Amino acid sequence: MGTAEGSRAEAVEQELPSDRVADLVEYIVCGLVDDEDSVSLDVTDREEGALIEVSCSEEDAGRVIGRKGRTIKAIRTLARALGQRVGTAVEVEVVG
């Protein structure tokens, strides 16, 4: 593959910063739930940052949120830290 073809392929496959954060969130959430197949993420990129909506089964939503919201708060903290590192603001919401 020539250099011109390689640079075009890289441009097509270039991922957004929010995709890296979404990968982290998905990895964490899939480790918490029983039914990994029901987990899906909807990433919306906006001017002020990215919104990541996590959908899962109702039984697993409680695990993702955690007691008094501690688990989702920790997930949000990690997502925001990575988002800051890659240059985007991030919000994470659970849609049970």
N, C-alpha and C. Protein backbone atom coordinates (compact mmCIF):
# COMPACT_ATOMS: atom_id res chain seq x y z
N MET A 1 0.86 -1.17 0.00
CA MET A 1 0.00 0.00 0.00
C MET A 1 0.90 1.24 0.00
N GLY A 2 0.62 2.17 -0.89
CA GLY A 2 1.40 3.41 -0.98
C GLY A 2 1.06 4.34 0.16
N THR A 3 1.83 5.41 0.29
CA THR A 3 1.61 6.34 1.39
C THR A 3 0.30 7.10 1.22
N ALA A 4 -0.11 7.39 -0.01
CA ALA A 4 -1.37 8.10 -0.23
C ALA A 4 -2.54 7.21 0.17
N GLU A 5 -2.47 5.94 -0.16
CA GLU A 5 -3.54 5.02 0.22
C GLU A 5 -3.58 4.83 1.72
N GLY A 6 -2.42 4.75 2.34
CA GLY A 6 -2.35 4.57 3.79
C GLY A 6 -2.94 5.73 4.55
N SER A 7 -2.66 6.96 4.10
CA SER A 7 -3.19 8.12 4.80
C SER A 7 -4.70 8.23 4.64
N ARG A 8 -5.22 7.83 3.47
CA ARG A 8 -6.67 7.83 3.28
C ARG A 8 -7.33 6.79 4.18
N ALA A 9 -6.73 5.63 4.30
CA ALA A 9 -7.28 4.58 5.16
C ALA A 9 -7.28 5.03 6.61
N GLU A 10 -6.22 5.72 7.03
CA GLU A 10 -6.17 6.23 8.41
C GLU A 10 -7.24 7.27 8.64
N ALA A 11 -7.51 8.11 7.67
CA ALA A 11 -8.52 9.16 7.81
C ALA A 11 -9.92 8.54 7.95
N VAL A 12 -10.16 7.46 7.21
CA VAL A 12 -11.47 6.80 7.29
C VAL A 12 -11.63 6.09 8.62
N GLU A 13 -10.56 5.46 9.11
CA GLU A 13 -10.64 4.68 10.33
C GLU A 13 -10.38 5.51 11.59
N GLN A 14 -10.09 6.80 11.44
CA GLN A 14 -9.80 7.65 12.59
C GLN A 14 -11.01 7.70 13.50
N GLU A 15 -10.80 7.39 14.78
CA GLU A 15 -11.91 7.41 15.71
C GLU A 15 -11.96 8.73 16.46
N LEU A 16 -13.15 9.10 16.84
CA LEU A 16 -13.35 10.33 17.60
C LEU A 16 -12.91 10.11 19.05
N PRO A 17 -12.56 11.19 19.74
CA PRO A 17 -12.19 11.04 21.16
C PRO A 17 -13.31 10.41 21.99
N SER A 18 -14.56 10.72 21.64
CA SER A 18 -15.68 10.15 22.39
C SER A 18 -15.78 8.64 22.20
N ASP A 19 -15.27 8.11 21.10
CA ASP A 19 -15.28 6.66 20.88
C ASP A 19 -14.36 5.96 21.88
N ARG A 20 -13.24 6.58 22.19
CA ARG A 20 -12.32 5.98 23.17
C ARG A 20 -12.97 5.94 24.55
N VAL A 21 -13.69 7.00 24.90
CA VAL A 21 -14.36 7.03 26.20
C VAL A 21 -15.50 6.01 26.21
N ALA A 22 -16.23 5.91 25.11
CA ALA A 22 -17.34 4.95 25.02
C ALA A 22 -16.81 3.52 25.16
N ASP A 23 -15.65 3.24 24.58
CA ASP A 23 -15.05 1.91 24.73
C ASP A 23 -14.76 1.59 26.19
N LEU A 24 -14.25 2.57 26.93
CA LEU A 24 -13.97 2.39 28.35
C LEU A 24 -15.26 2.12 29.12
N VAL A 25 -16.28 2.93 28.87
CA VAL A 25 -17.55 2.78 29.57
C VAL A 25 -18.15 1.41 29.27
N GLU A 26 -18.11 1.00 28.01
CA GLU A 26 -18.66 -0.30 27.63
C GLU A 26 -17.91 -1.43 28.33
N TYR A 27 -16.60 -1.34 28.40
CA TYR A 27 -15.78 -2.35 29.06
C TYR A 27 -16.17 -2.48 30.54
N ILE A 28 -16.33 -1.36 31.21
CA ILE A 28 -16.67 -1.36 32.64
C ILE A 28 -18.06 -1.92 32.85
N VAL A 29 -19.02 -1.44 32.06
CA VAL A 29 -20.41 -1.86 32.22
C VAL A 29 -20.56 -3.36 31.94
N CYS A 30 -19.91 -3.85 30.88
CA CYS A 30 -20.01 -5.27 30.56
C CYS A 30 -19.43 -6.14 31.66
N GLY A 31 -18.47 -5.63 32.40
CA GLY A 31 -17.92 -6.36 33.53
C GLY A 31 -18.86 -6.42 34.73
N LEU A 32 -19.82 -5.52 34.78
CA LEU A 32 -20.73 -5.45 35.92
C LEU A 32 -22.01 -6.26 35.72
N VAL A 33 -22.47 -6.39 34.49
CA VAL A 33 -23.80 -6.95 34.22
C VAL A 33 -23.74 -8.46 34.00
N ASP A 34 -24.91 -9.11 34.14
CA ASP A 34 -25.04 -10.54 33.84
C ASP A 34 -25.24 -10.77 32.36
N ASP A 35 -26.09 -9.93 31.73
CA ASP A 35 -26.45 -10.10 30.32
C ASP A 35 -25.71 -9.06 29.48
N GLU A 36 -24.50 -9.41 29.03
CA GLU A 36 -23.69 -8.47 28.24
C GLU A 36 -24.31 -8.16 26.89
N ASP A 37 -25.13 -9.08 26.36
CA ASP A 37 -25.75 -8.87 25.05
C ASP A 37 -26.78 -7.75 25.08
N SER A 38 -27.33 -7.46 26.25
CA SER A 38 -28.34 -6.41 26.34
C SER A 38 -27.73 -5.02 26.48
N VAL A 39 -26.42 -4.95 26.64
CA VAL A 39 -25.75 -3.66 26.81
C VAL A 39 -25.54 -3.00 25.45
N SER A 40 -25.97 -1.75 25.33
CA SER A 40 -25.68 -0.98 24.12
C SER A 40 -25.42 0.47 24.53
N LEU A 41 -24.57 1.11 23.76
CA LEU A 41 -24.22 2.49 24.04
C LEU A 41 -24.62 3.35 22.86
N ASP A 42 -25.21 4.50 23.16
CA ASP A 42 -25.57 5.47 22.13
C ASP A 42 -24.74 6.72 22.40
N VAL A 43 -23.84 7.03 21.50
CA VAL A 43 -22.93 8.17 21.68
C VAL A 43 -23.41 9.32 20.80
N THR A 44 -23.67 10.46 21.41
CA THR A 44 -24.09 11.66 20.69
C THR A 44 -23.02 12.73 20.89
N ASP A 45 -22.38 13.12 19.79
CA ASP A 45 -21.37 14.18 19.86
C ASP A 45 -22.05 15.52 19.64
N ARG A 46 -21.81 16.43 20.58
CA ARG A 46 -22.37 17.78 20.50
C ARG A 46 -21.23 18.78 20.61
N GLU A 47 -21.55 20.05 20.42
CA GLU A 47 -20.53 21.11 20.54
C GLU A 47 -19.91 21.15 21.92
N GLU A 48 -20.74 21.03 22.94
CA GLU A 48 -20.24 21.15 24.32
C GLU A 48 -19.64 19.85 24.85
N GLY A 49 -19.70 18.77 24.08
CA GLY A 49 -19.12 17.50 24.52
C GLY A 49 -19.91 16.33 24.01
N ALA A 50 -19.66 15.17 24.58
CA ALA A 50 -20.31 13.94 24.14
C ALA A 50 -21.25 13.45 25.24
N LEU A 51 -22.37 12.87 24.80
CA LEU A 51 -23.33 12.24 25.70
C LEU A 51 -23.31 10.75 25.40
N ILE A 52 -23.02 9.94 26.40
CA ILE A 52 -23.01 8.49 26.25
C ILE A 52 -24.19 7.94 27.05
N GLU A 53 -25.14 7.34 26.36
CA GLU A 53 -26.30 6.74 27.00
C GLU A 53 -26.12 5.23 27.02
N VAL A 54 -26.14 4.66 28.21
CA VAL A 54 -25.96 3.23 28.39
C VAL A 54 -27.32 2.58 28.55
N SER A 55 -27.64 1.63 27.66
CA SER A 55 -28.88 0.88 27.76
C SER A 55 -28.54 -0.54 28.18
N CYS A 56 -29.33 -1.08 29.12
CA CYS A 56 -29.14 -2.45 29.56
C CYS A 56 -30.47 -2.96 30.09
N SER A 57 -30.51 -4.24 30.46
CA SER A 57 -31.74 -4.80 31.01
C SER A 57 -32.04 -4.14 32.36
N GLU A 58 -33.31 -4.17 32.74
CA GLU A 58 -33.72 -3.51 33.99
C GLU A 58 -33.03 -4.12 35.21
N GLU A 59 -32.83 -5.46 35.18
CA GLU A 59 -32.17 -6.12 36.31
C GLU A 59 -30.74 -5.63 36.46
N ASP A 60 -30.06 -5.42 35.33
CA ASP A 60 -28.67 -4.99 35.36
C ASP A 60 -28.51 -3.49 35.60
N ALA A 61 -29.55 -2.71 35.36
CA ALA A 61 -29.46 -1.26 35.56
C ALA A 61 -29.13 -0.95 37.02
N GLY A 62 -29.67 -1.73 37.93
CA GLY A 62 -29.37 -1.53 39.35
C GLY A 62 -27.90 -1.76 39.67
N ARG A 63 -27.30 -2.74 39.00
CA ARG A 63 -25.87 -3.00 39.20
C ARG A 63 -25.03 -1.85 38.65
N VAL A 64 -25.43 -1.32 37.50
CA VAL A 64 -24.67 -0.24 36.88
C VAL A 64 -24.77 1.03 37.71
N ILE A 65 -25.95 1.29 38.26
CA ILE A 65 -26.14 2.49 39.08
C ILE A 65 -25.50 2.32 40.45
N GLY A 66 -25.69 1.16 41.06
CA GLY A 66 -25.07 0.88 42.35
C GLY A 66 -25.84 1.47 43.51
N ARG A 67 -25.40 1.10 44.72
CA ARG A 67 -26.04 1.62 45.92
C ARG A 67 -25.80 3.11 46.05
N LYS A 68 -26.88 3.84 46.21
CA LYS A 68 -26.83 5.30 46.33
C LYS A 68 -26.12 5.96 45.15
N GLY A 69 -26.08 5.26 44.00
CA GLY A 69 -25.49 5.83 42.80
C GLY A 69 -23.98 5.85 42.78
N ARG A 70 -23.37 5.10 43.66
CA ARG A 70 -21.90 5.14 43.77
C ARG A 70 -21.21 4.58 42.54
N THR A 71 -21.75 3.50 41.98
CA THR A 71 -21.08 2.87 40.83
C THR A 71 -21.13 3.76 39.60
N ILE A 72 -22.29 4.33 39.29
CA ILE A 72 -22.39 5.20 38.11
C ILE A 72 -21.56 6.47 38.33
N LYS A 73 -21.48 6.93 39.58
CA LYS A 73 -20.65 8.10 39.86
C LYS A 73 -19.19 7.79 39.57
N ALA A 74 -18.72 6.60 39.93
CA ALA A 74 -17.35 6.20 39.65
C ALA A 74 -17.11 6.06 38.15
N ILE A 75 -18.08 5.50 37.43
CA ILE A 75 -17.97 5.36 35.98
C ILE A 75 -17.89 6.75 35.34
N ARG A 76 -18.72 7.67 35.81
CA ARG A 76 -18.70 9.04 35.27
C ARG A 76 -17.35 9.71 35.54
N THR A 77 -16.80 9.49 36.72
CA THR A 77 -15.51 10.08 37.07
C THR A 77 -14.42 9.58 36.13
N LEU A 78 -14.38 8.27 35.89
CA LEU A 78 -13.40 7.70 34.98
C LEU A 78 -13.60 8.21 33.56
N ALA A 79 -14.87 8.27 33.12
CA ALA A 79 -15.16 8.73 31.76
C ALA A 79 -14.75 10.19 31.57
N ARG A 80 -15.04 11.02 32.57
CA ARG A 80 -14.66 12.43 32.47
C ARG A 80 -13.14 12.60 32.48
N ALA A 81 -12.45 11.79 33.28
CA ALA A 81 -10.99 11.87 33.33
C ALA A 81 -10.38 11.51 31.98
N LEU A 82 -10.85 10.43 31.36
CA LEU A 82 -10.35 10.06 30.04
C LEU A 82 -10.78 11.09 29.00
N GLY A 83 -12.00 11.60 29.11
CA GLY A 83 -12.47 12.62 28.19
C GLY A 83 -11.60 13.86 28.24
N GLN A 84 -11.21 14.26 29.43
CA GLN A 84 -10.35 15.42 29.60
C GLN A 84 -8.98 15.14 28.96
N ARG A 85 -8.52 13.93 29.09
CA ARG A 85 -7.21 13.56 28.54
C ARG A 85 -7.21 13.56 27.01
N VAL A 86 -8.36 13.15 26.40
CA VAL A 86 -8.43 13.12 24.93
C VAL A 86 -9.04 14.40 24.36
N GLY A 87 -9.45 15.31 25.23
CA GLY A 87 -9.89 16.62 24.77
C GLY A 87 -11.37 16.79 24.49
N THR A 88 -12.21 16.10 25.24
CA THR A 88 -13.66 16.28 25.07
C THR A 88 -14.37 16.17 26.41
N ALA A 89 -15.45 16.90 26.57
CA ALA A 89 -16.27 16.79 27.77
C ALA A 89 -17.22 15.61 27.58
N VAL A 90 -17.52 14.89 28.66
CA VAL A 90 -18.32 13.67 28.56
C VAL A 90 -19.37 13.63 29.65
N GLU A 91 -20.56 13.21 29.29
CA GLU A 91 -21.63 12.92 30.25
C GLU A 91 -22.08 11.48 30.02
N VAL A 92 -22.33 10.75 31.09
CA VAL A 92 -22.78 9.36 30.99
C VAL A 92 -24.12 9.25 31.70
N GLU A 93 -25.09 8.67 30.99
CA GLU A 93 -26.44 8.47 31.54
C GLU A 93 -26.82 7.00 31.37
N VAL A 94 -27.59 6.47 32.32
CA VAL A 94 -28.08 5.09 32.24
C VAL A 94 -29.55 5.13 31.83
N VAL A 95 -29.86 4.44 30.74
CA VAL A 95 -31.24 4.32 30.28
C VAL A 95 -31.62 2.86 30.48
N GLY A 96 -32.24 2.58 31.63
CA GLY A 96 -32.54 1.19 31.99
C GLY A 96 -33.50 0.60 31.09
